[in-house]
Amino acid sequence: MLIGYVFCLIVVRCEPDPDAEVIESAEDGGDLGIVGEDVQDFVGGSFSPALGVETVCVFPKNPSKLVVAGEESELLVGIKNDGESSINIIAIQASVHLPFDHQYLVQNLSAQAFNNASVPPSAQATFPYIFAVSKFLQAGTFDFAGTIVYEIDQQPYQSTFYNGTIEVTEAGGPLSVESVFLFCLGIALLGLLGFWIRGQIQNLSKVITVFVLYYSLLFL
């Protein structure tokens, strides 16, 4: 069922107006907003997921999940309501962690609040989330954890829509500081190797010259 749901998300995302997409998907509509004090009470909390709620995530313009440090990236969060009550969407939040130790937090990404966004029973909707990792983040693979926070009958819940890896690259192209350093180090090592080989050849030439002179004197 989730496979078919992902297909629906991709089709909806192809609409020309991305703002109309959310309003059309969630019948009551929803506007992107700044995280206010009332929303901050929910963001960063730890709530359990609600029964009858399914979530999915797609990177519509970036299926390889390649994120450029310091530049904005976009993903779509799909939510399906199989319950009996409407879902009031509060915010989407995400964080970046080390891949070998998920408990080590690298960066808390900006939370995106939604105003008047709801999903009626037996309906589904998509919501955009735009984020940017720090421009100082070193290139490499990181864990990305994203959750959507919502209310049902004034009870807060949250569901994880993505808990996997992303590939972070440095801005300005595929070359990173580490790559340039390794390239320069390789050139330096090759230069040292060349000097060493040249020294060995010169020493060998001297030995051969002495050897030839020694035998020449023996036959005189």
N, C-alpha and C. Protein backbone atom coordinates (compact mmCIF):
# COMPACT_ATOMS: atom_id res chain seq x y z
N MET A 1 0.83 -1.20 0.00
CA MET A 1 0.00 0.00 0.00
C MET A 1 0.87 1.26 0.00
N LEU A 2 1.98 1.21 0.72
CA LEU A 2 2.86 2.36 0.76
C LEU A 2 3.51 2.64 -0.58
N ILE A 3 3.76 1.57 -1.37
CA ILE A 3 4.36 1.75 -2.68
C ILE A 3 3.44 2.56 -3.58
N GLY A 4 2.15 2.19 -3.55
CA GLY A 4 1.18 2.95 -4.32
C GLY A 4 1.04 4.36 -3.84
N TYR A 5 1.19 4.54 -2.53
CA TYR A 5 1.08 5.87 -1.94
C TYR A 5 2.23 6.77 -2.37
N VAL A 6 3.44 6.20 -2.46
CA VAL A 6 4.58 6.97 -2.94
C VAL A 6 4.33 7.44 -4.37
N PHE A 7 3.75 6.57 -5.19
CA PHE A 7 3.45 6.93 -6.58
C PHE A 7 2.48 8.10 -6.62
N CYS A 8 1.48 8.09 -5.73
CA CYS A 8 0.53 9.19 -5.68
C CYS A 8 1.23 10.49 -5.31
N LEU A 9 2.17 10.43 -4.41
CA LEU A 9 2.89 11.63 -4.00
C LEU A 9 3.64 12.23 -5.17
N ILE A 10 4.31 11.38 -5.94
CA ILE A 10 5.10 11.88 -7.06
C ILE A 10 4.21 12.52 -8.11
N VAL A 11 3.05 11.94 -8.35
CA VAL A 11 2.12 12.50 -9.33
C VAL A 11 1.62 13.85 -8.87
N VAL A 12 1.24 13.97 -7.60
CA VAL A 12 0.74 15.23 -7.08
C VAL A 12 1.80 16.31 -7.16
N ARG A 13 3.07 15.94 -6.92
CA ARG A 13 4.15 16.92 -6.88
C ARG A 13 4.40 17.53 -8.25
N CYS A 14 3.91 16.90 -9.31
CA CYS A 14 4.14 17.42 -10.64
C CYS A 14 3.20 18.58 -11.00
N GLU A 15 2.30 18.95 -10.09
CA GLU A 15 1.44 20.09 -10.33
C GLU A 15 2.29 21.35 -10.47
N PRO A 16 1.90 22.32 -11.31
CA PRO A 16 2.75 23.47 -11.55
C PRO A 16 2.89 24.40 -10.36
N ASP A 17 1.89 24.44 -9.48
CA ASP A 17 1.93 25.35 -8.35
C ASP A 17 2.14 24.55 -7.08
N PRO A 18 3.33 24.57 -6.48
CA PRO A 18 3.60 23.76 -5.29
C PRO A 18 2.79 24.22 -4.08
N ASP A 19 2.42 25.51 -4.01
CA ASP A 19 1.61 25.98 -2.89
C ASP A 19 0.19 25.44 -2.98
N ALA A 20 -0.34 25.38 -4.19
CA ALA A 20 -1.69 24.86 -4.37
C ALA A 20 -1.75 23.38 -4.07
N GLU A 21 -0.61 22.72 -4.18
CA GLU A 21 -0.57 21.27 -3.95
C GLU A 21 -0.99 20.93 -2.53
N VAL A 22 -0.48 21.67 -1.55
CA VAL A 22 -0.82 21.37 -0.17
C VAL A 22 -2.28 21.66 0.09
N ILE A 23 -2.77 22.78 -0.44
CA ILE A 23 -4.17 23.15 -0.21
C ILE A 23 -5.10 22.15 -0.87
N GLU A 24 -4.71 21.66 -2.04
CA GLU A 24 -5.55 20.71 -2.74
C GLU A 24 -5.51 19.35 -2.07
N SER A 25 -4.36 18.96 -1.58
CA SER A 25 -4.23 17.65 -0.95
C SER A 25 -4.94 17.61 0.39
N ALA A 26 -4.72 18.65 1.21
CA ALA A 26 -5.43 18.75 2.48
C ALA A 26 -6.60 19.69 2.25
N GLU A 27 -7.82 19.17 2.34
CA GLU A 27 -9.00 19.89 1.88
C GLU A 27 -9.15 21.25 2.55
N ASP A 28 -8.83 21.34 3.83
CA ASP A 28 -8.97 22.61 4.53
C ASP A 28 -7.83 23.57 4.25
N GLY A 29 -6.77 23.06 3.64
CA GLY A 29 -5.64 23.91 3.27
C GLY A 29 -4.66 24.07 4.40
N GLY A 30 -3.52 24.65 4.09
CA GLY A 30 -2.51 24.89 5.11
C GLY A 30 -1.47 25.86 4.58
N ASP A 31 -1.08 26.80 5.42
CA ASP A 31 -0.09 27.79 5.04
C ASP A 31 1.18 27.54 5.80
N LEU A 32 2.32 27.74 5.13
CA LEU A 32 3.59 27.65 5.80
C LEU A 32 3.74 28.82 6.74
N GLY A 33 4.34 28.60 7.89
CA GLY A 33 4.46 29.67 8.86
C GLY A 33 5.75 29.59 9.65
N ILE A 34 6.01 30.63 10.42
CA ILE A 34 7.16 30.68 11.30
C ILE A 34 6.81 29.95 12.59
N VAL A 35 7.80 29.29 13.16
CA VAL A 35 7.58 28.56 14.40
C VAL A 35 7.36 29.56 15.53
N GLY A 36 6.13 29.65 16.01
CA GLY A 36 5.80 30.56 17.10
C GLY A 36 5.95 29.90 18.45
N GLU A 37 5.64 30.67 19.50
CA GLU A 37 5.80 30.15 20.85
C GLU A 37 4.88 28.97 21.12
N ASP A 38 3.67 29.01 20.54
CA ASP A 38 2.74 27.91 20.77
C ASP A 38 3.22 26.62 20.11
N VAL A 39 3.86 26.75 18.94
CA VAL A 39 4.37 25.57 18.24
C VAL A 39 5.62 25.04 18.91
N GLN A 40 6.42 25.92 19.49
CA GLN A 40 7.65 25.49 20.13
C GLN A 40 7.39 24.56 21.31
N ASP A 41 6.17 24.59 21.85
CA ASP A 41 5.83 23.66 22.92
C ASP A 41 5.81 22.22 22.42
N PHE A 42 5.58 22.04 21.12
CA PHE A 42 5.51 20.70 20.54
C PHE A 42 6.83 20.30 19.87
N VAL A 43 7.48 21.28 19.22
CA VAL A 43 8.72 20.99 18.50
C VAL A 43 9.81 20.63 19.50
N GLY A 44 10.52 19.55 19.20
CA GLY A 44 11.58 19.09 20.09
C GLY A 44 11.11 18.13 21.15
N GLY A 45 9.78 17.94 21.23
CA GLY A 45 9.25 16.99 22.21
C GLY A 45 9.33 15.57 21.71
N SER A 46 8.88 14.68 22.53
CA SER A 46 8.89 13.26 22.18
C SER A 46 7.49 12.71 22.39
N PHE A 47 6.80 12.45 21.27
CA PHE A 47 5.44 11.94 21.32
C PHE A 47 5.37 10.63 20.55
N SER A 48 4.39 9.84 20.86
CA SER A 48 4.20 8.56 20.18
C SER A 48 3.39 8.77 18.91
N PRO A 49 3.54 7.88 17.92
CA PRO A 49 2.72 8.00 16.71
C PRO A 49 1.29 7.55 16.97
N ALA A 50 0.37 8.10 16.22
CA ALA A 50 -1.05 7.76 16.38
C ALA A 50 -1.39 6.56 15.52
N LEU A 51 -2.34 5.78 15.98
CA LEU A 51 -2.82 4.64 15.20
C LEU A 51 -3.61 5.13 13.99
N GLY A 52 -3.45 4.44 12.90
CA GLY A 52 -4.19 4.80 11.69
C GLY A 52 -3.56 5.93 10.89
N VAL A 53 -2.33 6.31 11.25
CA VAL A 53 -1.64 7.38 10.52
C VAL A 53 -0.39 6.80 9.86
N GLU A 54 -0.29 6.96 8.57
CA GLU A 54 0.87 6.48 7.82
C GLU A 54 1.59 7.67 7.19
N THR A 55 2.91 7.63 7.20
CA THR A 55 3.70 8.70 6.61
C THR A 55 4.71 8.12 5.62
N VAL A 56 5.10 8.95 4.69
CA VAL A 56 6.10 8.57 3.69
C VAL A 56 6.82 9.83 3.26
N CYS A 57 8.01 9.66 2.71
CA CYS A 57 8.82 10.81 2.33
C CYS A 57 9.45 10.58 0.96
N VAL A 58 9.48 11.62 0.15
CA VAL A 58 10.16 11.56 -1.14
C VAL A 58 10.98 12.84 -1.33
N PHE A 59 12.11 12.69 -2.02
CA PHE A 59 12.92 13.83 -2.43
C PHE A 59 12.62 14.05 -3.91
N PRO A 60 11.65 14.92 -4.25
CA PRO A 60 11.15 14.98 -5.64
C PRO A 60 12.19 15.38 -6.66
N LYS A 61 13.09 16.27 -6.30
CA LYS A 61 14.11 16.73 -7.25
C LYS A 61 15.48 16.14 -6.97
N ASN A 62 15.53 15.23 -6.01
CA ASN A 62 16.84 14.73 -5.59
C ASN A 62 16.70 13.28 -5.10
N PRO A 63 16.43 12.35 -6.02
CA PRO A 63 16.23 10.95 -5.59
C PRO A 63 17.48 10.32 -4.98
N SER A 64 18.67 10.86 -5.29
CA SER A 64 19.89 10.31 -4.73
C SER A 64 20.17 10.84 -3.32
N LYS A 65 19.33 11.78 -2.87
CA LYS A 65 19.47 12.37 -1.52
C LYS A 65 20.84 13.01 -1.33
N LEU A 66 21.28 13.74 -2.35
CA LEU A 66 22.56 14.45 -2.32
C LEU A 66 22.29 15.88 -1.87
N VAL A 67 22.83 16.27 -0.73
CA VAL A 67 22.56 17.57 -0.13
C VAL A 67 23.83 18.41 -0.15
N VAL A 68 23.73 19.62 -0.68
CA VAL A 68 24.87 20.53 -0.72
C VAL A 68 24.87 21.36 0.56
N ALA A 69 25.99 21.36 1.26
CA ALA A 69 26.10 22.09 2.53
C ALA A 69 25.87 23.57 2.31
N GLY A 70 24.99 24.15 3.14
CA GLY A 70 24.70 25.57 3.06
C GLY A 70 23.64 25.96 2.06
N GLU A 71 23.15 25.02 1.26
CA GLU A 71 22.13 25.30 0.26
C GLU A 71 20.83 24.58 0.61
N GLU A 72 19.71 25.18 0.22
CA GLU A 72 18.40 24.62 0.56
C GLU A 72 18.10 23.35 -0.24
N SER A 73 17.49 22.41 0.44
CA SER A 73 17.01 21.18 -0.19
C SER A 73 15.54 21.01 0.18
N GLU A 74 14.82 20.31 -0.66
CA GLU A 74 13.39 20.15 -0.44
C GLU A 74 13.01 18.67 -0.43
N LEU A 75 12.09 18.33 0.45
CA LEU A 75 11.49 17.00 0.45
C LEU A 75 9.99 17.16 0.67
N LEU A 76 9.25 16.13 0.35
CA LEU A 76 7.80 16.12 0.54
C LEU A 76 7.44 15.04 1.55
N VAL A 77 6.60 15.40 2.49
CA VAL A 77 6.13 14.47 3.50
C VAL A 77 4.66 14.15 3.19
N GLY A 78 4.39 12.88 2.99
CA GLY A 78 3.02 12.46 2.76
C GLY A 78 2.44 11.83 4.01
N ILE A 79 1.19 12.13 4.30
CA ILE A 79 0.52 11.59 5.48
C ILE A 79 -0.86 11.09 5.07
N LYS A 80 -1.20 9.92 5.52
CA LYS A 80 -2.48 9.31 5.21
C LYS A 80 -3.25 9.07 6.50
N ASN A 81 -4.50 9.49 6.52
CA ASN A 81 -5.32 9.41 7.72
C ASN A 81 -6.35 8.29 7.56
N ASP A 82 -6.08 7.16 8.21
CA ASP A 82 -7.03 6.05 8.21
C ASP A 82 -7.86 6.02 9.50
N GLY A 83 -7.74 7.08 10.30
CA GLY A 83 -8.47 7.14 11.55
C GLY A 83 -9.87 7.72 11.37
N GLU A 84 -10.51 8.00 12.51
CA GLU A 84 -11.88 8.52 12.50
C GLU A 84 -11.95 10.01 12.80
N SER A 85 -10.81 10.62 13.18
CA SER A 85 -10.77 12.05 13.50
C SER A 85 -9.80 12.77 12.57
N SER A 86 -10.02 14.07 12.43
CA SER A 86 -9.13 14.87 11.58
C SER A 86 -7.76 15.03 12.25
N ILE A 87 -6.74 15.16 11.41
CA ILE A 87 -5.38 15.38 11.89
C ILE A 87 -5.03 16.85 11.66
N ASN A 88 -4.64 17.53 12.70
CA ASN A 88 -4.18 18.91 12.59
C ASN A 88 -2.64 18.91 12.55
N ILE A 89 -2.09 19.32 11.41
CA ILE A 89 -0.64 19.32 11.24
C ILE A 89 -0.05 20.53 11.96
N ILE A 90 0.94 20.29 12.78
CA ILE A 90 1.58 21.36 13.55
C ILE A 90 2.90 21.78 12.91
N ALA A 91 3.79 20.85 12.73
CA ALA A 91 5.11 21.21 12.20
C ALA A 91 5.84 19.98 11.70
N ILE A 92 6.86 20.24 10.91
CA ILE A 92 7.81 19.22 10.46
C ILE A 92 9.19 19.62 10.98
N GLN A 93 9.90 18.66 11.55
CA GLN A 93 11.22 18.93 12.09
C GLN A 93 12.17 17.80 11.69
N ALA A 94 13.47 18.10 11.70
CA ALA A 94 14.46 17.10 11.31
C ALA A 94 15.78 17.40 12.00
N SER A 95 16.65 16.41 11.99
CA SER A 95 17.97 16.55 12.61
C SER A 95 18.97 15.68 11.87
N VAL A 96 20.25 16.02 12.02
CA VAL A 96 21.34 15.30 11.37
C VAL A 96 22.22 14.67 12.44
N HIS A 97 22.58 13.39 12.24
CA HIS A 97 23.35 12.64 13.22
C HIS A 97 24.53 11.96 12.54
N LEU A 98 25.49 11.52 13.36
CA LEU A 98 26.60 10.73 12.84
C LEU A 98 26.09 9.36 12.42
N PRO A 99 26.56 8.83 11.29
CA PRO A 99 26.04 7.54 10.82
C PRO A 99 26.46 6.37 11.70
N PHE A 100 27.63 6.45 12.33
CA PHE A 100 28.10 5.34 13.15
C PHE A 100 27.67 5.46 14.61
N ASP A 101 27.07 6.61 14.97
CA ASP A 101 26.56 6.80 16.33
C ASP A 101 25.37 7.75 16.25
N HIS A 102 24.18 7.18 16.08
CA HIS A 102 22.98 7.99 15.86
C HIS A 102 22.66 8.87 17.07
N GLN A 103 23.14 8.51 18.24
CA GLN A 103 22.86 9.30 19.43
C GLN A 103 23.64 10.62 19.43
N TYR A 104 24.67 10.72 18.59
CA TYR A 104 25.47 11.94 18.53
C TYR A 104 24.80 12.90 17.54
N LEU A 105 24.24 13.99 18.07
CA LEU A 105 23.55 14.98 17.25
C LEU A 105 24.55 15.93 16.60
N VAL A 106 24.46 16.05 15.28
CA VAL A 106 25.33 16.96 14.55
C VAL A 106 24.67 18.32 14.39
N GLN A 107 23.38 18.33 14.02
CA GLN A 107 22.68 19.60 13.80
C GLN A 107 21.17 19.39 13.90
N ASN A 108 20.52 20.30 14.61
CA ASN A 108 19.07 20.38 14.61
C ASN A 108 18.66 21.32 13.48
N LEU A 109 17.91 20.82 12.52
CA LEU A 109 17.49 21.63 11.39
C LEU A 109 16.26 22.47 11.77
N SER A 110 16.00 23.50 10.99
CA SER A 110 14.88 24.40 11.27
C SER A 110 13.56 23.64 11.18
N ALA A 111 12.67 23.95 12.12
CA ALA A 111 11.33 23.36 12.09
C ALA A 111 10.42 24.22 11.21
N GLN A 112 9.56 23.55 10.45
CA GLN A 112 8.61 24.24 9.58
C GLN A 112 7.21 24.10 10.15
N ALA A 113 6.60 25.22 10.54
CA ALA A 113 5.27 25.20 11.12
C ALA A 113 4.21 25.32 10.02
N PHE A 114 3.02 24.82 10.29
CA PHE A 114 1.89 24.91 9.36
C PHE A 114 0.69 25.50 10.09
N ASN A 115 0.03 26.46 9.44
CA ASN A 115 -1.14 27.11 10.02
C ASN A 115 -2.40 26.60 9.32
N ASN A 116 -3.36 26.15 10.12
CA ASN A 116 -4.66 25.71 9.59
C ASN A 116 -4.53 24.58 8.58
N ALA A 117 -3.60 23.67 8.83
CA ALA A 117 -3.43 22.52 7.94
C ALA A 117 -4.04 21.29 8.62
N SER A 118 -4.95 20.64 7.95
CA SER A 118 -5.59 19.46 8.53
C SER A 118 -5.81 18.41 7.45
N VAL A 119 -5.91 17.17 7.90
CA VAL A 119 -6.15 16.04 7.01
C VAL A 119 -7.39 15.31 7.53
N PRO A 120 -8.50 15.35 6.81
CA PRO A 120 -9.73 14.69 7.26
C PRO A 120 -9.59 13.17 7.26
N PRO A 121 -10.49 12.48 7.91
CA PRO A 121 -10.46 11.01 7.88
C PRO A 121 -10.57 10.48 6.45
N SER A 122 -9.88 9.37 6.20
CA SER A 122 -9.87 8.71 4.89
C SER A 122 -9.32 9.63 3.79
N ALA A 123 -8.42 10.52 4.17
CA ALA A 123 -7.80 11.42 3.19
C ALA A 123 -6.29 11.36 3.34
N GLN A 124 -5.61 11.94 2.38
CA GLN A 124 -4.16 11.99 2.41
C GLN A 124 -3.69 13.36 1.90
N ALA A 125 -2.51 13.76 2.31
CA ALA A 125 -2.01 15.08 1.93
C ALA A 125 -0.49 15.05 1.87
N THR A 126 0.07 16.00 1.17
CA THR A 126 1.53 16.15 1.11
C THR A 126 1.89 17.54 1.62
N PHE A 127 3.03 17.62 2.31
CA PHE A 127 3.50 18.88 2.87
C PHE A 127 4.98 19.04 2.55
N PRO A 128 5.38 20.23 2.08
CA PRO A 128 6.79 20.45 1.75
C PRO A 128 7.61 20.77 2.99
N TYR A 129 8.86 20.37 2.96
CA TYR A 129 9.80 20.72 4.02
C TYR A 129 11.11 21.13 3.36
N ILE A 130 11.51 22.38 3.60
CA ILE A 130 12.74 22.91 3.03
C ILE A 130 13.75 23.07 4.17
N PHE A 131 14.93 22.54 3.97
CA PHE A 131 15.95 22.56 5.01
C PHE A 131 17.31 22.83 4.39
N ALA A 132 18.26 23.16 5.23
CA ALA A 132 19.65 23.39 4.78
C ALA A 132 20.59 22.98 5.91
N VAL A 133 21.52 22.10 5.59
CA VAL A 133 22.53 21.73 6.59
C VAL A 133 23.59 22.83 6.62
N SER A 134 24.35 22.87 7.70
CA SER A 134 25.35 23.92 7.88
C SER A 134 26.39 23.90 6.77
N LYS A 135 26.77 25.09 6.31
CA LYS A 135 27.79 25.18 5.26
C LYS A 135 29.16 24.73 5.76
N PHE A 136 29.30 24.63 7.09
CA PHE A 136 30.57 24.18 7.67
C PHE A 136 30.61 22.67 7.87
N LEU A 137 29.53 22.00 7.53
CA LEU A 137 29.48 20.55 7.71
C LEU A 137 30.39 19.87 6.69
N GLN A 138 31.23 18.98 7.18
CA GLN A 138 32.17 18.29 6.29
C GLN A 138 31.42 17.32 5.38
N ALA A 139 31.90 17.20 4.17
CA ALA A 139 31.28 16.29 3.21
C ALA A 139 31.35 14.86 3.71
N GLY A 140 30.29 14.10 3.44
CA GLY A 140 30.25 12.71 3.87
C GLY A 140 28.82 12.23 4.04
N THR A 141 28.68 11.03 4.55
CA THR A 141 27.38 10.42 4.78
C THR A 141 26.92 10.68 6.21
N PHE A 142 25.67 11.10 6.36
CA PHE A 142 25.10 11.38 7.67
C PHE A 142 23.72 10.76 7.77
N ASP A 143 23.30 10.50 9.01
CA ASP A 143 21.94 10.05 9.26
C ASP A 143 21.02 11.26 9.31
N PHE A 144 19.85 11.11 8.70
CA PHE A 144 18.85 12.18 8.67
C PHE A 144 17.56 11.62 9.27
N ALA A 145 17.08 12.26 10.34
CA ALA A 145 15.86 11.83 11.01
C ALA A 145 14.82 12.94 10.91
N GLY A 146 13.69 12.64 10.31
CA GLY A 146 12.63 13.63 10.14
C GLY A 146 11.32 13.16 10.74
N THR A 147 10.63 14.05 11.44
CA THR A 147 9.35 13.72 12.05
C THR A 147 8.33 14.80 11.73
N ILE A 148 7.08 14.41 11.71
CA ILE A 148 5.97 15.34 11.53
C ILE A 148 5.14 15.32 12.81
N VAL A 149 4.87 16.50 13.35
CA VAL A 149 4.14 16.64 14.61
C VAL A 149 2.71 17.05 14.29
N TYR A 150 1.75 16.42 14.94
CA TYR A 150 0.34 16.70 14.64
C TYR A 150 -0.51 16.47 15.88
N GLU A 151 -1.75 16.90 15.81
CA GLU A 151 -2.71 16.74 16.90
C GLU A 151 -3.94 15.99 16.40
N ILE A 152 -4.45 15.14 17.24
CA ILE A 152 -5.72 14.47 17.00
C ILE A 152 -6.55 14.60 18.27
N ASP A 153 -7.70 15.27 18.16
CA ASP A 153 -8.55 15.52 19.33
C ASP A 153 -7.76 16.19 20.45
N GLN A 154 -6.96 17.20 20.06
CA GLN A 154 -6.14 18.00 20.98
C GLN A 154 -5.08 17.19 21.72
N GLN A 155 -4.74 16.03 21.19
CA GLN A 155 -3.68 15.20 21.76
C GLN A 155 -2.50 15.20 20.79
N PRO A 156 -1.29 15.60 21.26
CA PRO A 156 -0.15 15.67 20.35
C PRO A 156 0.43 14.28 20.03
N TYR A 157 0.85 14.12 18.78
CA TYR A 157 1.51 12.90 18.30
C TYR A 157 2.64 13.31 17.36
N GLN A 158 3.49 12.37 17.07
CA GLN A 158 4.49 12.58 16.02
C GLN A 158 4.83 11.25 15.36
N SER A 159 5.11 11.32 14.07
CA SER A 159 5.47 10.14 13.30
C SER A 159 6.77 10.41 12.55
N THR A 160 7.62 9.41 12.51
CA THR A 160 8.88 9.52 11.78
C THR A 160 8.63 9.20 10.31
N PHE A 161 8.90 10.16 9.43
CA PHE A 161 8.68 9.93 8.01
C PHE A 161 9.95 9.50 7.28
N TYR A 162 11.11 9.76 7.90
CA TYR A 162 12.36 9.32 7.28
C TYR A 162 13.42 9.16 8.36
N ASN A 163 14.10 8.04 8.33
CA ASN A 163 15.21 7.77 9.25
C ASN A 163 16.26 6.98 8.48
N GLY A 164 17.01 7.70 7.68
CA GLY A 164 18.01 7.05 6.82
C GLY A 164 19.19 7.98 6.60
N THR A 165 19.92 7.73 5.54
CA THR A 165 21.15 8.49 5.28
C THR A 165 20.95 9.50 4.16
N ILE A 166 21.75 10.56 4.23
CA ILE A 166 21.87 11.53 3.15
C ILE A 166 23.37 11.72 2.87
N GLU A 167 23.67 12.15 1.67
CA GLU A 167 25.07 12.40 1.29
C GLU A 167 25.28 13.90 1.20
N VAL A 168 26.15 14.42 2.04
CA VAL A 168 26.43 15.86 2.07
C VAL A 168 27.69 16.15 1.26
N THR A 169 27.60 17.13 0.37
CA THR A 169 28.75 17.56 -0.41
C THR A 169 29.00 19.04 -0.15
N GLU A 170 30.22 19.47 -0.36
CA GLU A 170 30.56 20.88 -0.17
C GLU A 170 30.13 21.69 -1.37
N ALA A 171 29.78 22.94 -1.12
CA ALA A 171 29.36 23.83 -2.19
C ALA A 171 30.54 24.13 -3.10
N GLY A 172 30.24 24.37 -4.38
CA GLY A 172 31.29 24.74 -5.33
C GLY A 172 31.77 23.59 -6.17
N GLY A 173 31.13 22.43 -6.08
CA GLY A 173 31.51 21.31 -6.94
C GLY A 173 31.91 20.10 -6.14
N PRO A 174 32.28 19.04 -6.84
CA PRO A 174 32.60 17.78 -6.17
C PRO A 174 33.90 17.81 -5.39
N LEU A 175 34.81 18.77 -5.69
CA LEU A 175 36.09 18.82 -4.99
C LEU A 175 35.89 19.37 -3.59
N SER A 176 36.38 18.68 -2.60
CA SER A 176 36.31 19.12 -1.22
C SER A 176 37.71 19.48 -0.73
N VAL A 177 37.76 20.09 0.46
CA VAL A 177 39.05 20.44 1.04
C VAL A 177 39.89 19.20 1.26
N GLU A 178 39.23 18.12 1.67
CA GLU A 178 39.94 16.87 1.89
C GLU A 178 40.51 16.33 0.59
N SER A 179 39.73 16.44 -0.49
CA SER A 179 40.20 15.94 -1.78
C SER A 179 41.41 16.73 -2.27
N VAL A 180 41.36 18.06 -2.11
CA VAL A 180 42.49 18.90 -2.52
C VAL A 180 43.73 18.57 -1.69
N PHE A 181 43.53 18.37 -0.38
CA PHE A 181 44.66 18.03 0.49
C PHE A 181 45.29 16.70 0.07
N LEU A 182 44.46 15.70 -0.21
CA LEU A 182 44.98 14.40 -0.62
C LEU A 182 45.69 14.50 -1.97
N PHE A 183 45.15 15.34 -2.86
CA PHE A 183 45.80 15.52 -4.17
C PHE A 183 47.19 16.14 -4.00
N CYS A 184 47.28 17.20 -3.18
CA CYS A 184 48.57 17.86 -2.94
C CYS A 184 49.55 16.91 -2.25
N LEU A 185 49.02 16.11 -1.30
CA LEU A 185 49.87 15.15 -0.62
C LEU A 185 50.42 14.12 -1.59
N GLY A 186 49.58 13.66 -2.51
CA GLY A 186 50.04 12.70 -3.51
C GLY A 186 51.12 13.28 -4.41
N ILE A 187 50.94 14.55 -4.83
CA ILE A 187 51.96 15.20 -5.66
C ILE A 187 53.27 15.30 -4.91
N ALA A 188 53.18 15.68 -3.61
CA ALA A 188 54.41 15.80 -2.81
C ALA A 188 55.12 14.46 -2.66
N LEU A 189 54.35 13.39 -2.43
CA LEU A 189 54.95 12.06 -2.30
C LEU A 189 55.60 11.61 -3.60
N LEU A 190 54.94 11.92 -4.72
CA LEU A 190 55.53 11.57 -6.01
C LEU A 190 56.83 12.34 -6.24
N GLY A 191 56.85 13.61 -5.81
CA GLY A 191 58.08 14.39 -5.94
C GLY A 191 59.21 13.81 -5.11
N LEU A 192 58.90 13.43 -3.87
CA LEU A 192 59.92 12.82 -3.01
C LEU A 192 60.40 11.49 -3.59
N LEU A 193 59.47 10.73 -4.15
CA LEU A 193 59.85 9.47 -4.77
C LEU A 193 60.76 9.70 -5.96
N GLY A 194 60.47 10.74 -6.73
CA GLY A 194 61.32 11.06 -7.87
C GLY A 194 62.73 11.44 -7.45
N PHE A 195 62.85 12.27 -6.37
CA PHE A 195 64.18 12.64 -5.87
C PHE A 195 64.93 11.41 -5.35
N TRP A 196 64.20 10.52 -4.69
CA TRP A 196 64.86 9.32 -4.15
C TRP A 196 65.38 8.43 -5.28
N ILE A 197 64.55 8.24 -6.33
CA ILE A 197 64.98 7.43 -7.47
C ILE A 197 66.18 8.07 -8.17
N ARG A 198 66.14 9.39 -8.29
CA ARG A 198 67.26 10.09 -8.94
C ARG A 198 68.54 9.91 -8.13
N GLY A 199 68.44 10.00 -6.79
CA GLY A 199 69.61 9.80 -5.94
C GLY A 199 70.16 8.39 -6.04
N GLN A 200 69.24 7.40 -6.10
CA GLN A 200 69.68 6.02 -6.23
C GLN A 200 70.39 5.78 -7.55
N ILE A 201 69.88 6.39 -8.63
CA ILE A 201 70.51 6.23 -9.94
C ILE A 201 71.90 6.86 -9.94
N GLN A 202 72.03 8.05 -9.33
CA GLN A 202 73.33 8.71 -9.26
C GLN A 202 74.33 7.88 -8.46
N ASN A 203 73.89 7.32 -7.33
CA ASN A 203 74.77 6.47 -6.53
C ASN A 203 75.19 5.22 -7.30
N LEU A 204 74.21 4.64 -8.03
CA LEU A 204 74.53 3.46 -8.81
C LEU A 204 75.53 3.79 -9.92
N SER A 205 75.40 4.98 -10.53
CA SER A 205 76.33 5.38 -11.59
C SER A 205 77.74 5.53 -11.03
N LYS A 206 77.85 6.09 -9.81
CA LYS A 206 79.16 6.24 -9.19
C LYS A 206 79.80 4.89 -8.90
N VAL A 207 78.99 3.95 -8.42
CA VAL A 207 79.51 2.61 -8.13
C VAL A 207 80.00 1.94 -9.40
N ILE A 208 79.22 2.08 -10.47
CA ILE A 208 79.61 1.46 -11.74
C ILE A 208 80.90 2.09 -12.27
N THR A 209 81.01 3.43 -12.13
CA THR A 209 82.21 4.12 -12.60
C THR A 209 83.46 3.65 -11.84
N VAL A 210 83.34 3.55 -10.52
CA VAL A 210 84.45 3.08 -9.70
C VAL A 210 84.81 1.65 -10.07
N PHE A 211 83.79 0.82 -10.26
CA PHE A 211 84.01 -0.57 -10.61
C PHE A 211 84.75 -0.70 -11.94
N VAL A 212 84.36 0.11 -12.93
CA VAL A 212 84.99 0.07 -14.24
C VAL A 212 86.45 0.54 -14.15
N LEU A 213 86.69 1.61 -13.37
CA LEU A 213 88.05 2.10 -13.22
C LEU A 213 88.95 1.07 -12.51
N TYR A 214 88.38 0.39 -11.52
CA TYR A 214 89.15 -0.62 -10.78
C TYR A 214 89.60 -1.74 -11.71
N TYR A 215 88.69 -2.27 -12.54
CA TYR A 215 89.05 -3.35 -13.45
C TYR A 215 89.95 -2.86 -14.58
N SER A 216 89.82 -1.59 -14.93
CA SER A 216 90.70 -1.04 -15.98
C SER A 216 92.14 -0.99 -15.48
N LEU A 217 92.32 -0.64 -14.21
CA LEU A 217 93.65 -0.60 -13.62
C LEU A 217 94.25 -2.00 -13.49
N LEU A 218 93.41 -2.99 -13.25
CA LEU A 218 93.90 -4.35 -13.11
C LEU A 218 94.48 -4.87 -14.41
N PHE A 219 93.93 -4.47 -15.52
CA PHE A 219 94.38 -4.99 -16.81
C PHE A 219 95.48 -4.13 -17.44
N LEU A 220 95.84 -3.06 -16.79
CA LEU A 220 96.93 -2.24 -17.34
C LEU A 220 98.28 -2.88 -17.04
